[in-house]
Protein backbone atom coordinates (compact mmCIF):
# COMPACT_ATOMS: atom_id res chain seq x y z
CA MET A 1 10.67 -7.06 3.98
CA LYS A 2 12.18 -7.49 7.30
CA PHE A 3 11.08 -7.06 10.79
CA VAL A 4 12.21 -3.78 12.64
CA LYS A 5 12.57 -3.78 16.37
CA ASN A 6 12.18 -0.62 18.48
CA LEU A 7 12.03 -0.15 22.13
CA ALA A 8 9.00 1.99 21.87
CA LEU A 9 5.87 2.37 19.80
CA MET A 10 6.43 4.81 17.00
CA ALA A 11 3.78 7.24 15.77
CA MET A 12 3.03 7.30 12.08
CA ALA A 13 2.76 10.79 10.29
CA ALA A 14 0.07 11.43 7.87
CA VAL A 15 1.20 12.33 4.35
CA ALA A 16 -0.87 14.87 2.35
CA ALA A 17 -1.54 13.70 -1.17
CA ILE A 18 -2.21 17.12 -2.61
CA ALA A 19 -0.63 20.23 -1.32
CA PHE A 20 -2.44 23.42 -0.43
CA THR A 21 -1.35 26.99 -0.69
CA ALA A 22 -1.09 28.91 2.62
CA CYS A 23 -1.33 32.72 2.10
CA ASP A 24 -0.48 35.84 3.82
CA GLU A 25 -2.79 37.75 6.12
CA VAL A 26 -4.69 40.94 5.52
CA PRO A 27 -2.48 43.94 5.27
CA GLN A 28 -2.15 45.35 8.77
CA GLY A 29 -3.46 48.75 7.71
CA GLU A 30 -6.70 47.22 6.62
CA GLN A 31 -7.34 45.43 9.98
CA LYS A 32 -9.27 48.07 11.83
CA ASN A 33 -11.38 46.03 14.34
CA PRO A 34 -9.50 44.96 17.55
CA ASN A 35 -12.30 42.47 18.42
CA LEU A 36 -11.50 40.26 15.44
CA ASN A 37 -9.08 37.38 15.54
CA HIS A 38 -6.24 38.63 13.22
CA ASP A 39 -4.19 35.39 14.05
CA LEU A 40 -6.96 33.29 12.27
CA THR A 41 -5.22 31.00 9.86
CA ILE A 42 -7.40 29.13 7.32
CA THR A 43 -6.42 25.92 5.55
CA VAL A 44 -7.96 24.43 2.53
CA ASP A 45 -7.47 20.77 1.56
CA ILE A 46 -8.90 18.77 -1.38
CA GLU A 47 -10.52 15.41 -0.40
CA SER A 48 -11.52 14.07 -3.87
CA VAL A 49 -11.76 15.39 -7.48
CA THR A 50 -13.78 14.02 -10.38
CA SER A 51 -14.46 15.46 -13.89
CA GLN A 52 -17.53 17.41 -12.72
CA SER A 53 -17.18 17.80 -8.92
CA ALA A 54 -14.70 18.37 -6.11
CA LYS A 55 -14.89 17.82 -2.27
CA VAL A 56 -12.88 20.49 -0.26
CA LYS A 57 -12.37 20.73 3.47
CA VAL A 58 -11.85 24.02 5.22
CA THR A 59 -10.30 24.08 8.69
CA HIS A 60 -8.93 26.93 10.71
CA ASN A 61 -7.05 27.50 14.09
CA GLY A 62 -9.54 29.90 15.55
CA SER A 63 -12.83 29.42 17.59
CA SER A 64 -16.34 28.66 16.44
CA THR A 65 -17.16 32.33 16.78
CA ASP A 66 -14.62 33.23 13.87
CA THR A 67 -16.79 33.61 10.78
CA TRP A 68 -15.27 33.02 7.36
CA TYR A 69 -16.37 32.84 3.66
CA GLY A 70 -15.29 30.60 0.82
CA PHE A 71 -15.69 30.80 -2.92
CA LEU A 72 -14.83 28.93 -6.14
CA THR A 73 -13.47 30.51 -9.30
CA ASN A 74 -11.98 29.53 -12.58
CA GLU A 75 -10.10 32.77 -12.90
CA VAL A 76 -6.85 31.15 -11.78
CA THR A 77 -4.58 33.77 -13.30
CA ARG A 78 -5.94 36.68 -11.28
CA SER A 79 -4.48 37.45 -8.04
CA ASP A 80 -5.95 36.16 -4.77
CA ARG A 81 -6.19 39.65 -3.28
CA GLU A 82 -8.07 40.95 -6.28
CA LEU A 83 -10.54 38.06 -6.13
CA ILE A 84 -11.04 38.37 -2.43
CA LYS A 85 -11.63 41.97 -2.70
CA GLU A 86 -14.41 41.47 -5.26
CA GLN A 87 -16.05 39.12 -2.97
CA VAL A 88 -15.87 41.45 0.02
CA ASP A 89 -17.38 44.29 -1.94
CA ALA A 90 -20.25 42.10 -3.04
CA PHE A 91 -20.84 40.97 0.46
CA LYS A 92 -21.15 44.65 1.66
CA VAL A 93 -23.54 45.33 -0.99
CA SER A 94 -25.88 42.22 -0.57
CA ALA A 95 -24.72 40.61 2.79
CA SER A 96 -28.24 38.94 3.16
CA THR A 97 -27.67 36.72 0.21
CA ILE A 98 -24.29 35.38 1.27
CA SER A 99 -23.92 32.91 4.04
CA LEU A 100 -20.85 33.14 6.46
CA HIS A 101 -19.55 29.94 8.04
CA ALA A 102 -18.57 29.51 11.67
CA SER A 103 -17.36 25.90 11.63
CA LYS A 104 -13.67 24.96 12.46
CA SER A 105 -13.97 22.06 10.06
CA TYR A 106 -16.28 22.33 7.10
CA VAL A 107 -16.54 20.03 3.98
CA GLN A 108 -18.11 21.29 0.74
CA ILE A 109 -19.16 19.55 -2.41
CA LEU A 110 -18.45 21.67 -5.43
CA ALA A 111 -20.75 20.36 -8.23
CA ASN A 112 -21.46 21.07 -11.90
CA LEU A 113 -17.75 21.74 -12.79
CA THR A 114 -16.28 21.46 -16.26
CA PRO A 115 -14.07 18.45 -17.05
CA ASP A 116 -10.30 19.16 -17.35
CA THR A 117 -10.53 22.64 -16.08
CA PRO A 118 -8.35 24.50 -13.41
CA TYR A 119 -10.18 26.01 -10.55
CA LYS A 120 -9.22 27.98 -7.34
CA TYR A 121 -11.12 27.74 -4.03
CA ILE A 122 -10.29 30.58 -1.62
CA ALA A 123 -11.46 30.77 2.04
CA PHE A 124 -10.93 33.98 4.21
CA GLY A 125 -12.02 35.36 7.51
CA LEU A 126 -15.00 37.82 7.06
CA SER A 127 -17.02 39.37 9.87
CA GLU A 128 -20.69 40.05 9.62
CA GLU A 129 -19.97 43.70 9.06
CA GLY A 130 -17.94 42.76 5.98
CA GLU A 131 -14.56 43.24 7.33
CA GLU A 132 -11.80 40.81 6.22
CA TYR A 133 -9.25 39.46 8.78
CA GLY A 134 -6.75 36.88 9.42
CA ASN A 135 -4.84 34.71 7.05
CA TYR A 136 -6.67 33.29 4.10
CA GLY A 137 -6.18 29.83 2.52
CA VAL A 138 -6.35 28.93 -1.25
CA LEU A 139 -6.47 25.64 -3.11
CA GLU A 140 -5.81 25.21 -6.81
CA PHE A 141 -6.96 21.93 -8.48
CA THR A 142 -7.93 20.69 -12.12
CA THR A 143 -10.89 18.52 -12.62
CA GLN A 144 -10.30 15.26 -14.32
CA SER A 145 -10.83 14.58 -18.09
CA LEU A 146 -14.14 13.00 -19.05
CA GLY A 147 -13.63 9.85 -21.01
CA GLY A 148 -10.61 7.61 -21.40
CA THR A 149 -8.37 5.56 -23.83
CA THR A 150 -10.34 4.46 -26.65
CA GLY A 151 -7.57 2.33 -28.20
CA GLY A 152 -9.56 2.20 -31.46
CA GLY A 153 -12.42 0.50 -29.74
CA GLY A 154 -15.05 3.02 -28.90
CA GLY A 155 -18.19 1.59 -27.59
CA THR A 156 -18.73 4.03 -24.64
CA GLY A 157 -22.45 4.53 -25.06
CA GLY A 158 -24.81 4.06 -22.04
CA GLY A 159 -26.82 6.00 -19.66
CA GLU A 160 -26.47 9.46 -18.21
CA ILE A 161 -23.25 10.75 -16.63
CA ILE A 162 -23.31 10.59 -12.75
CA ASN A 163 -20.54 12.20 -10.87
CA GLY A 164 -18.13 11.84 -13.96
CA MET A 165 -19.10 8.17 -14.40
CA LYS A 166 -20.93 6.66 -17.48
CA GLU A 167 -22.05 3.15 -18.06
CA ASN A 168 -20.09 1.54 -20.88
CA SER A 169 -22.54 -0.54 -23.09
CA ALA A 170 -19.44 -2.36 -24.58
CA TRP A 171 -18.89 -4.23 -21.33
CA SER A 172 -20.90 -6.94 -19.76
CA VAL A 173 -20.11 -8.08 -16.14
CA GLU A 174 -21.20 -11.49 -14.75
CA TYR A 175 -20.60 -13.67 -11.69
CA ILE A 176 -19.20 -17.10 -12.56
CA GLY A 177 -18.68 -18.63 -9.22
CA LYS A 178 -16.40 -21.62 -8.64
CA GLY A 179 -13.91 -22.24 -11.32
CA THR A 180 -10.13 -22.50 -12.32
CA LEU A 181 -8.17 -19.35 -12.91
CA TYR A 182 -4.44 -19.17 -13.51
CA GLU A 183 -4.27 -22.94 -12.77
CA GLU A 184 -5.79 -22.37 -9.37
CA GLU A 185 -9.13 -23.12 -8.01
CA TYR A 186 -11.38 -20.25 -6.76
CA ASP A 187 -14.81 -20.04 -5.26
CA HIS A 188 -15.77 -16.54 -6.60
CA ILE A 189 -14.76 -15.68 -10.11
CA VAL A 190 -16.11 -12.68 -12.05
CA LYS A 191 -16.03 -12.28 -15.86
CA VAL A 192 -16.21 -9.13 -17.95
CA THR A 193 -17.00 -9.63 -21.67
CA SER A 194 -15.64 -6.55 -23.60
CA VAL A 195 -15.92 -5.70 -27.22
CA ASP A 196 -13.77 -2.54 -27.06
CA GLN A 197 -10.11 -1.86 -26.12
CA ASN A 198 -10.60 0.32 -22.99
CA PRO A 199 -8.63 -0.92 -20.00
CA TYR A 200 -10.49 -1.66 -16.78
CA MET A 201 -10.20 -3.15 -13.16
CA MET A 202 -12.80 -5.25 -11.39
CA THR A 203 -14.16 -5.02 -7.85
CA VAL A 204 -17.07 -6.28 -5.90
CA VAL A 205 -19.45 -4.27 -3.53
CA TYR A 206 -22.41 -5.24 -1.42
CA ALA A 207 -25.61 -4.86 -3.35
CA SER A 208 -27.23 -2.85 -0.49
CA GLU A 209 -24.41 -0.38 -0.70
CA TRP A 210 -24.44 0.08 -4.45
CA ASP A 211 -24.58 3.81 -5.26
CA PRO A 212 -23.55 5.10 -8.77
CA SER A 213 -23.05 8.62 -7.34
CA GLN A 214 -20.35 7.20 -5.06
CA LEU A 215 -18.75 5.02 -7.67
CA ARG A 216 -16.02 7.78 -8.67
CA ASP A 217 -14.74 7.67 -5.00
CA LEU A 218 -14.67 3.86 -5.00
CA ALA A 219 -12.77 3.84 -8.35
CA GLU A 220 -10.17 6.35 -7.09
CA MET A 221 -9.68 4.32 -3.85
CA LEU A 222 -9.27 1.06 -5.97
CA VAL A 223 -6.52 2.71 -8.05
CA GLU A 224 -4.76 4.23 -5.12
CA SER A 225 -4.78 0.85 -3.17
CA ASN A 226 -3.47 -1.04 -6.21
CA ILE A 227 -0.72 1.41 -6.79
CA ALA A 228 0.42 1.03 -3.23
CA TYR A 229 0.19 -2.75 -3.46
CA ILE A 230 2.43 -2.72 -6.67
CA GLU A 231 4.93 -0.54 -5.06
CA GLU A 232 5.29 -2.81 -2.13
CA PHE A 233 5.43 -5.86 -4.36
CA ASN A 234 8.15 -4.35 -6.38
CA ASN A 235 10.22 -3.39 -3.33
CA TYR A 236 10.06 -6.84 -1.91
CA TYR A 237 10.55 -8.92 -4.97
CA GLY A 238 12.87 -6.49 -6.95
CA THR A 239 10.44 -6.43 -9.86
CA SER A 240 9.16 -3.46 -12.00
CA TYR A 241 5.45 -4.04 -12.44
CA THR A 242 3.25 -1.03 -13.19
CA LEU A 243 -0.50 -0.40 -12.90
CA ALA A 244 -0.77 -1.19 -16.59
CA ASP A 245 0.22 -4.92 -15.80
CA MET A 246 -3.02 -5.17 -13.68
CA LEU A 247 -5.48 -3.91 -16.18
CA PHE A 248 -7.65 -5.94 -18.38
CA VAL A 249 -8.28 -5.25 -22.06
CA GLY A 250 -10.97 -7.23 -23.85
CA ASP A 251 -12.37 -10.14 -22.07
CA GLY A 252 -11.15 -10.60 -18.34
CA TYR A 253 -11.43 -12.78 -15.28
CA ASP A 254 -10.70 -12.07 -11.68
CA ALA A 255 -11.13 -13.80 -8.39
CA PHE A 256 -12.42 -12.46 -5.08
CA ASN A 257 -12.60 -13.47 -1.49
CA LEU A 258 -16.25 -13.02 -0.36
CA TYR A 259 -18.42 -13.65 2.78
CA PRO A 260 -21.98 -14.67 2.44
CA GLY A 261 -24.23 -11.94 1.29
CA TYR A 262 -25.63 -10.14 -1.83
CA PHE A 263 -23.13 -8.50 -4.15
CA LYS A 264 -22.56 -6.71 -7.38
CA ALA A 265 -19.45 -7.01 -9.56
CA VAL A 266 -18.29 -3.78 -11.15
CA ALA A 267 -15.85 -3.06 -14.04
CA ILE A 268 -14.20 0.30 -13.73
CA GLY A 269 -12.28 1.99 -16.54
CA VAL A 270 -8.65 2.92 -15.59
CA THR A 271 -5.93 4.22 -17.84
CA PRO A 272 -2.43 2.79 -17.62
CA GLU A 273 -1.40 6.17 -16.12
CA GLY A 274 -3.54 5.43 -13.18
CA LYS A 275 -6.44 7.96 -14.14
CA VAL A 276 -10.12 6.86 -13.76
CA SER A 277 -11.53 6.94 -17.30
CA GLY A 278 -15.26 7.49 -16.32
CA HIS A 279 -16.41 4.18 -17.76
CA TYR A 280 -18.04 1.53 -15.77
CA ALA A 281 -20.30 -1.70 -16.01
CA VAL A 282 -22.06 -3.46 -13.27
CA SER A 283 -23.43 -7.00 -12.86
CA ASP A 284 -26.79 -8.26 -11.82
CA THR A 285 -27.02 -8.79 -7.93
CA PHE A 286 -25.72 -12.25 -6.98
CA GLU A 287 -25.79 -14.25 -3.68
CA VAL A 288 -23.02 -15.91 -1.92
CA LYS A 289 -24.19 -18.63 0.49
CA GLU A 290 -22.27 -19.98 3.43
CA GLU A 291 -20.95 -23.38 2.79
CA VAL A 292 -21.82 -26.59 4.60
CA ALA A 293 -19.20 -27.24 7.21
CA SER A 294 -16.75 -30.12 6.32
CA ALA A 295 -16.14 -32.86 8.75
CA ALA A 296 -12.56 -31.71 9.29
CA PHE A 297 -13.78 -28.24 10.05
CA ARG A 298 -16.36 -29.49 12.69
CA ALA A 299 -13.62 -31.58 14.29
CA TRP A 300 -12.15 -28.29 15.42
CA LEU A 301 -15.32 -27.10 17.10
CA GLY A 302 -15.77 -27.38 20.93
CA ASN A 303 -13.54 -27.06 23.97
CA TRP A 304 -9.72 -27.82 23.97
CA GLU A 305 -7.25 -28.14 26.69
CA VAL A 306 -4.06 -26.31 25.63
CA VAL A 307 -0.88 -27.23 27.60
CA GLY A 308 2.05 -24.87 26.98
CA ASN A 309 5.71 -25.75 27.01
CA ASN A 310 5.86 -24.28 30.42
CA ASP A 311 2.86 -26.36 31.75
CA VAL A 312 0.55 -23.40 31.86
CA THR A 313 -2.96 -24.62 30.76
CA TYR A 314 -5.80 -22.94 29.18
CA THR A 315 -9.18 -24.45 28.28
CA VAL A 316 -10.36 -22.65 25.11
CA ASN A 317 -13.51 -22.97 22.95
CA PHE A 318 -13.78 -22.74 19.16
CA SER A 319 -17.09 -21.77 17.81
CA ASN A 320 -18.16 -21.43 14.13
CA GLY A 321 -17.42 -18.11 12.63
CA LEU A 322 -17.89 -18.95 8.97
CA ALA A 323 -18.04 -22.65 7.76
CA ASN A 324 -14.79 -23.75 6.36
CA ARG A 325 -13.35 -20.20 6.65
CA TYR A 326 -12.72 -19.24 10.29
CA PHE A 327 -13.51 -19.84 14.00
CA TYR A 328 -14.07 -17.52 17.06
CA MET A 329 -11.82 -18.61 19.96
CA SER A 330 -12.89 -17.66 23.51
CA TYR A 331 -11.29 -18.21 26.90
CA TRP A 332 -7.65 -17.60 25.92
CA GLU A 333 -5.92 -16.55 29.13
CA GLY A 334 -9.18 -17.71 30.79
CA ASP A 335 -10.97 -14.51 29.68
CA MET A 336 -14.67 -15.13 28.74
CA ASP A 337 -15.52 -11.51 27.59
CA PHE A 338 -13.34 -11.32 24.52
CA VAL A 339 -13.14 -13.46 21.38
CA VAL A 340 -10.30 -13.85 18.79
CA LYS A 341 -10.94 -14.51 15.10
CA VAL A 342 -8.96 -17.68 14.03
CA ASP A 343 -8.59 -18.44 10.30
CA TYR A 344 -8.95 -22.07 8.98
CA ASN A 345 -6.98 -23.50 6.09
CA ALA A 346 -8.93 -26.42 4.62
CA ASP A 347 -5.83 -27.60 2.49
CA LEU A 348 -3.77 -27.98 5.62
CA ASP A 349 -6.62 -28.62 8.02
CA ALA A 350 -4.92 -26.03 10.29
CA LEU A 351 -5.82 -22.98 12.32
CA PHE A 352 -3.88 -19.69 11.90
CA PHE A 353 -3.69 -17.20 14.71
CA TYR A 354 -3.15 -13.61 13.67
CA SER A 355 -2.66 -10.29 15.42
CA GLN A 356 -5.78 -8.38 15.38
CA THR A 357 -7.89 -5.59 16.96
CA VAL A 358 -10.26 -7.30 19.39
CA GLN A 359 -12.37 -4.43 20.51
CA GLU A 360 -12.17 -0.64 20.58
CA GLY A 361 -13.45 1.58 23.30
CA VAL A 362 -13.20 -0.80 26.14
CA ASN A 363 -13.80 0.47 29.65
CA PHE A 364 -10.90 -0.76 31.78
CA GLY A 365 -12.11 0.67 34.97
CA GLU A 366 -9.76 2.78 36.97
CA TYR A 367 -7.21 2.55 34.14
CA GLY A 368 -9.63 4.45 31.64
CA THR A 369 -10.86 3.53 28.11
CA GLY A 370 -8.69 2.07 25.45
CA ASN A 371 -8.51 -0.47 22.69
CA LEU A 372 -7.86 -4.19 23.14
CA TYR A 373 -5.44 -6.14 20.79
CA PHE A 374 -4.24 -9.80 20.38
CA TYR A 375 -0.56 -9.65 19.93
CA GLY A 376 2.48 -11.86 19.61
CA ILE A 377 5.61 -11.62 21.92
CA ASP A 378 8.81 -13.10 20.67
CA ARG A 379 11.36 -15.06 22.60
CA GLU A 380 13.28 -11.99 23.61
CA GLY A 381 10.06 -10.54 25.26
CA SER A 382 9.26 -7.98 22.66
CA LEU A 383 5.68 -7.00 21.94
CA TYR A 384 4.84 -6.54 18.22
CA THR A 385 1.95 -4.06 17.38
CA ASN A 386 -0.10 -4.67 14.24
CA GLU A 387 -0.10 -0.96 12.97
CA SER A 388 1.61 -1.95 9.73
CA GLY A 389 -0.77 -4.95 9.28
CA ASP A 390 -1.88 -8.15 10.85
CA TYR A 391 0.74 -10.83 11.11
CA GLY A 392 0.88 -14.56 11.86
CA ILE A 393 1.64 -15.63 15.35
CA ALA A 394 0.98 -19.37 15.46
CA ILE A 395 -0.51 -22.36 13.76
CA ALA A 396 -2.55 -25.14 15.20
CA GLY A 397 -2.38 -28.36 13.25
CA ILE A 398 -1.96 -32.21 13.47
CA LEU A 399 1.38 -33.62 14.12
CA ASP A 400 2.68 -36.69 12.51
CA GLY A 401 1.73 -38.73 15.55
CA GLY A 402 -1.85 -37.52 15.41
CA GLN A 403 -1.49 -35.04 18.35
CA ARG A 404 -2.89 -31.53 17.73
CA ALA A 405 -0.63 -28.78 18.77
CA ILE A 406 -0.20 -24.99 18.48
CA VAL A 407 3.26 -24.11 17.21
CA ARG A 408 5.16 -20.91 16.53
CA TYR A 409 4.46 -19.38 13.15
CA ASP A 410 7.41 -19.10 10.95
CA ASP A 411 7.66 -17.56 7.41
CA ASP A 412 10.96 -18.49 5.91
CA SER A 413 10.34 -16.14 2.89
CA MET A 414 10.56 -13.12 5.14
CA GLN A 415 14.02 -12.32 6.40
CA GLY A 416 14.04 -11.81 10.22
CA TYR A 417 10.47 -13.19 10.94
CA PRO A 418 10.40 -13.51 14.63
CA PHE A 419 9.64 -16.68 16.65
CA PHE A 420 6.70 -15.94 18.89
CA ASP A 421 6.71 -17.58 22.19
CA TYR A 422 3.42 -16.10 23.40
CA MET A 423 0.13 -14.66 22.19
CA GLN A 424 -1.92 -12.58 24.54
CA PHE A 425 -4.42 -9.71 24.97
CA ILE A 426 -2.92 -6.19 25.32
CA ALA A 427 -4.73 -3.16 26.29
CA ASP A 428 -3.53 0.21 24.77
CA ILE A 429 -4.64 2.99 26.93
CA ASP A 430 -3.41 6.43 25.78
CA GLY A 431 -0.32 4.86 24.38
CA THR A 432 0.55 2.75 27.42
CA PHE A 433 0.25 -1.07 27.05
CA TYR A 434 -1.23 -3.21 29.76
CA ARG A 435 -1.67 -7.07 30.27
CA LEU A 436 -4.97 -8.29 31.35
CA THR A 437 -3.62 -10.75 33.84
CA ASP A 438 -0.60 -11.02 36.10
CA ALA A 439 -0.50 -14.68 35.79
CA GLU A 440 2.16 -16.62 33.85
CA LEU A 441 1.32 -16.83 30.21
CA LEU A 442 1.11 -19.97 28.13
CA GLN A 443 4.26 -20.62 26.19
CA MET A 444 4.29 -22.18 22.76
CA PRO A 445 4.66 -24.86 21.41
CA ALA A 446 1.56 -26.15 23.09
CA ALA A 447 -0.32 -29.58 22.93
CA MET A 448 -3.97 -29.58 22.39
CA ASN A 449 -6.32 -32.26 23.69
CA PRO A 450 -10.25 -32.44 23.46
CA ALA A 451 -11.88 -31.17 26.71
CA GLY A 452 -15.37 -31.97 26.00
CA GLY A 453 -18.31 -29.88 27.02
CA GLN A 454 -20.80 -27.78 25.09
CA ILE A 455 -19.78 -25.90 21.87
CA ALA A 456 -20.11 -22.02 22.43
CA VAL A 457 -22.50 -20.20 20.36
CA SER A 458 -20.86 -17.85 17.70
CA PRO A 459 -20.61 -14.33 18.96
CA SER A 460 -22.65 -11.65 17.22
CA ILE A 461 -19.99 -9.87 15.19
CA LYS A 462 -20.91 -7.94 11.99
CA ARG A 463 -19.07 -8.88 8.92
CA SER A 464 -17.70 -5.50 7.50
CA PRO A 465 -17.63 -4.78 3.78
CA GLU A 466 -13.94 -3.70 4.55
CA ALA A 467 -13.22 -7.44 4.78
CA LEU A 468 -13.78 -7.64 1.00
CA ARG A 469 -10.25 -8.05 -0.53
CA THR A 470 -9.69 -8.56 -4.25
CA SER A 471 -7.22 -11.42 -4.90
CA LEU A 472 -5.63 -9.51 -7.91
CA ARG A 473 -4.01 -12.57 -9.07
CA LYS A 474 -2.14 -12.62 -12.39
CA PRO A 475 0.24 -15.34 -13.60
CA GLU A 476 3.26 -13.56 -12.24
CA CYS A 477 1.65 -11.55 -9.44
CA VAL A 478 0.39 -13.10 -6.11
CA TYR A 479 -1.35 -11.42 -3.32
CA ARG A 480 1.06 -10.78 -0.40
CA ALA A 481 -0.46 -12.06 2.82
CA TYR A 482 1.78 -10.58 5.52
CA PRO A 483 2.94 -7.05 6.43
CA SER A 484 6.33 -5.64 5.63
CA MET A 485 7.28 -4.28 9.00
CA PHE A 486 6.60 -5.07 12.63
CA ARG A 487 7.14 -2.72 15.45
CA PRO A 488 7.62 -4.15 18.99
CA ALA A 489 6.79 -1.93 21.95
CA SER A 490 7.81 -2.07 25.64
CA PHE A 491 5.02 -2.32 28.08
């Protein structure tokens, strides 16, 4: 993993996971109405597939006045044209019982499908008079198999099948809490007791958001993210792990990084090939309480005078974000309106400053509306965006002489990690980057001294469920904390 320098911010292209088939338009001889949009082009994409359902999205390049019709069939060997003609004929006979769509973007849930069965979904332009027009779109997909690897175990009894998922009575999930796992101490450990040989993964969800009907989507997202993580891990370390190396069989333990709240732990069946088997088990609801702040953590609270290497001085405030976990810093660059989340490392008694999105949709007056970020600038004056992941900018700790200081972050394990001389607010307004001040910026390293004064009240910031990250620790596999690529941008 190395840092990549560019002079301009690069746009990222989206990659489609499943291809769709674009088809030819209606034969010209059949297009009789000049008032219809014969340039209409319809696209059909798949958003998710389970064993008994699928979610498809239909879009087109026309206007909201262009009507169209879509249908599902398991007659995948018949020609599209023949199938469309049957639908048109049926519409002309009983148009009142068939609804046309007029939306340019439409998502439809296809339910009650048969597991492990090929299907075809076709959408085409159709007028209220029953005349086909434009270019139709077609999508072919196969539903997933119901059930997974038994491995001689069996034991998949349980409740009803919901969206292709069935509770596995052979698994029992429980929250353990603090403990030692793989020779390391963790605060939140989950245990699965299994009496069969079906492989599985673990995850944790907020109890208020537990919904068995959405479990299939969660399972597929979990598999996808773990496969991506393994690929990146292998690329960096030159290893050859597969998803099978991260699955549990029999009794298993995993550790999680959790904020205070109420949760459920879930075991989800996954095959070594990366398919969701349809098995799951869920724990009782458990509560994670906020810790009592340690003396070392409390010592960072309050106002600090930060004096840069260039004698530029800021007086900043650290307020409690989550005891022993992170702070909120305000008044960086003297700005009172925006706060920055700063992580706390209890083992080092140090603060870690990371790039981050501070606020989206900010009104910057005459400049317009944009997003505000906290970024690092290296010694060559290059600004690094965080589009490929947040990155470490600086560390605040206690030097040998007892002086607290903010120093440049440096990761020797990553080739080419830049030295950041500055960290500052940057506004992105329509792809153009702006500073919030014309004043000289504070240059690191910087000394820190207590400035006295009242401790600020923590800002009201909702802790998002997206902050939940599975540690996914195995004896040979540790969670990588930093991004693989940085992209500086001129501003």
